[in-house]
Structures are given as structure tokens and as C-alpha cells.
Protein backbone atom coordinates (compact mmCIF):
# COMPACT_ATOMS: atom_id res chain seq x y z
CA UNK A 1 8.47 1.27 -7.31
CA UNK A 2 9.33 -0.33 -3.94
CA UNK A 3 8.50 -3.61 -2.79
CA UNK A 4 6.39 -3.84 0.26
CA UNK A 5 5.22 -6.90 2.23
CA UNK A 6 1.82 -6.99 3.73
CA UNK A 7 2.03 -7.34 7.53
CA UNK A 8 -1.11 -9.56 7.62
CA UNK A 9 -0.19 -12.29 4.90
CA UNK A 10 3.12 -11.39 3.62
CA UNK A 11 1.86 -10.61 -0.01
CA UNK A 12 4.69 -8.52 -1.97
CA UNK A 13 3.63 -5.76 -4.08
CA UNK A 14 5.17 -2.81 -5.71
CA UNK A 15 4.08 0.41 -4.29
CA UNK A 16 4.81 4.29 -5.27
CA UNK A 17 3.38 7.06 -3.44
CA UNK A 18 2.94 10.14 -5.76
CA UNK A 19 1.55 12.23 -2.66
CA UNK A 20 0.31 11.23 0.74
CA UNK A 21 -3.23 10.96 -0.77
CA UNK A 22 -2.19 8.96 -3.95
CA UNK A 23 -0.71 5.44 -3.77
CA UNK A 24 0.03 3.16 -6.87
CA UNK A 25 0.18 -0.65 -6.34
CA UNK A 26 1.28 -3.33 -8.63
CA UNK A 27 0.08 -6.65 -7.95
CA UNK A 28 1.86 -9.71 -8.99
CA UNK A 29 0.14 -13.25 -9.31
CA UNK A 30 1.74 -14.63 -6.25
CA UNK A 31 0.68 -11.57 -4.26
CA UNK A 32 -2.91 -11.79 -5.52
CA UNK A 33 -2.98 -15.62 -4.33
CA UNK A 34 -1.51 -14.86 -0.98
CA UNK A 35 -3.75 -11.77 -0.06
CA UNK A 36 -5.98 -13.05 2.98
CA UNK A 37 -8.37 -10.01 2.36
CA UNK A 38 -8.87 -11.00 -1.37
CA UNK A 39 -9.50 -14.49 -0.43
CA UNK A 40 -12.21 -13.26 1.90
CA UNK A 41 -13.81 -11.01 -0.63
CA UNK A 42 -13.93 -13.49 -3.09
CA UNK A 43 -16.33 -15.96 -1.20
CA UNK A 44 -19.04 -13.59 -1.32
CA UNK A 45 -21.63 -13.61 -4.24
CA UNK A 46 -20.95 -10.54 -6.43
CA UNK A 47 -18.24 -9.57 -4.20
CA UNK A 48 -15.85 -7.03 -5.51
CA UNK A 49 -12.00 -6.73 -4.24
CA UNK A 50 -11.43 -3.02 -4.13
CA UNK A 51 -8.03 -3.34 -2.34
CA UNK A 52 -6.31 -4.72 0.79
CA UNK A 53 -6.93 -2.48 4.05
CA UNK A 54 -4.09 -4.09 5.65
CA UNK A 55 -1.87 -3.66 2.74
CA UNK A 56 -2.81 0.07 2.60
CA UNK A 57 -1.97 0.48 6.03
CA UNK A 58 1.39 -1.15 5.56
CA UNK A 59 2.21 1.03 2.81
CA UNK A 60 1.32 4.08 4.66
CA UNK A 61 3.51 3.24 7.57
CA UNK A 62 6.40 2.34 5.30
CA UNK A 63 5.87 6.02 3.71
CA UNK A 64 5.78 7.63 7.33
CA UNK A 65 8.92 5.59 8.18
CA UNK A 66 10.77 6.99 5.14
CA UNK A 67 11.01 3.24 3.57
CA UNK A 68 8.86 4.72 0.37
CA UNK A 69 9.54 8.12 -0.92
CA UNK A 70 6.57 10.45 -1.37
CA UNK A 71 7.45 11.93 -4.78
CA UNK A 72 5.46 15.18 -4.10
CA UNK A 73 7.72 16.03 -1.24
CA UNK A 74 10.81 15.72 -3.51
CA UNK A 75 9.16 17.98 -6.23
CA UNK A 76 8.45 20.88 -3.86
CA UNK A 77 11.49 20.20 -1.32
CA UNK A 78 9.15 19.73 1.63
CA UNK A 79 8.74 17.07 4.23
CA UNK A 80 5.43 16.75 5.77
CA UNK A 81 5.51 15.87 9.58
CA UNK A 82 4.27 12.28 9.63
CA UNK A 83 2.87 12.92 13.38
CA UNK A 84 0.27 15.10 11.53
CA UNK A 85 -1.05 12.34 9.61
CA UNK A 86 -2.43 10.49 12.38
């Protein structure tokens, strides 16, 4: 797993991309406390935190830039054109 810092709040998580579609994120207590989107979600009655959109975007950008490996590309020896991802 690779450390990634959220561009919004700086929460640091460990992330892995098994494919362009699949991402695993390990949250630590300090990251949970720092996450701005999580704090907002916690204020609503019955609110459920399903994940941080900013962190998801940050992880995607890191993969496009090559800072996080996409494991499916290693397995089949291909490298998808990041520009095609939009």
C-alpha cells in the first residue's frame, strides 16, 4: 500500500489500486479525525460516511501520475493511457 494525503484536509491513508476500477483504502484514526468530508457527514441525523470524494479523486490522480501502481497493469504488462480516463 502507498501513503496518500488528501488534497483537501491532508488526511493520510494507505491506498492500493488493484485496477482502475478497484481501490482499497486503509484509514488510520488520525486520518478519520482529520477528514473534512467525514466530519460533515457525521453532523446529519442518521448520516452514513461512505467515503471521501476528495480523497478518491486524489488517489485517482496519484495513479494517473504514476505515484500509485495499478496492479492489473503489472499482471498483464499493459499501461492504460491516463488521458483516456478523463
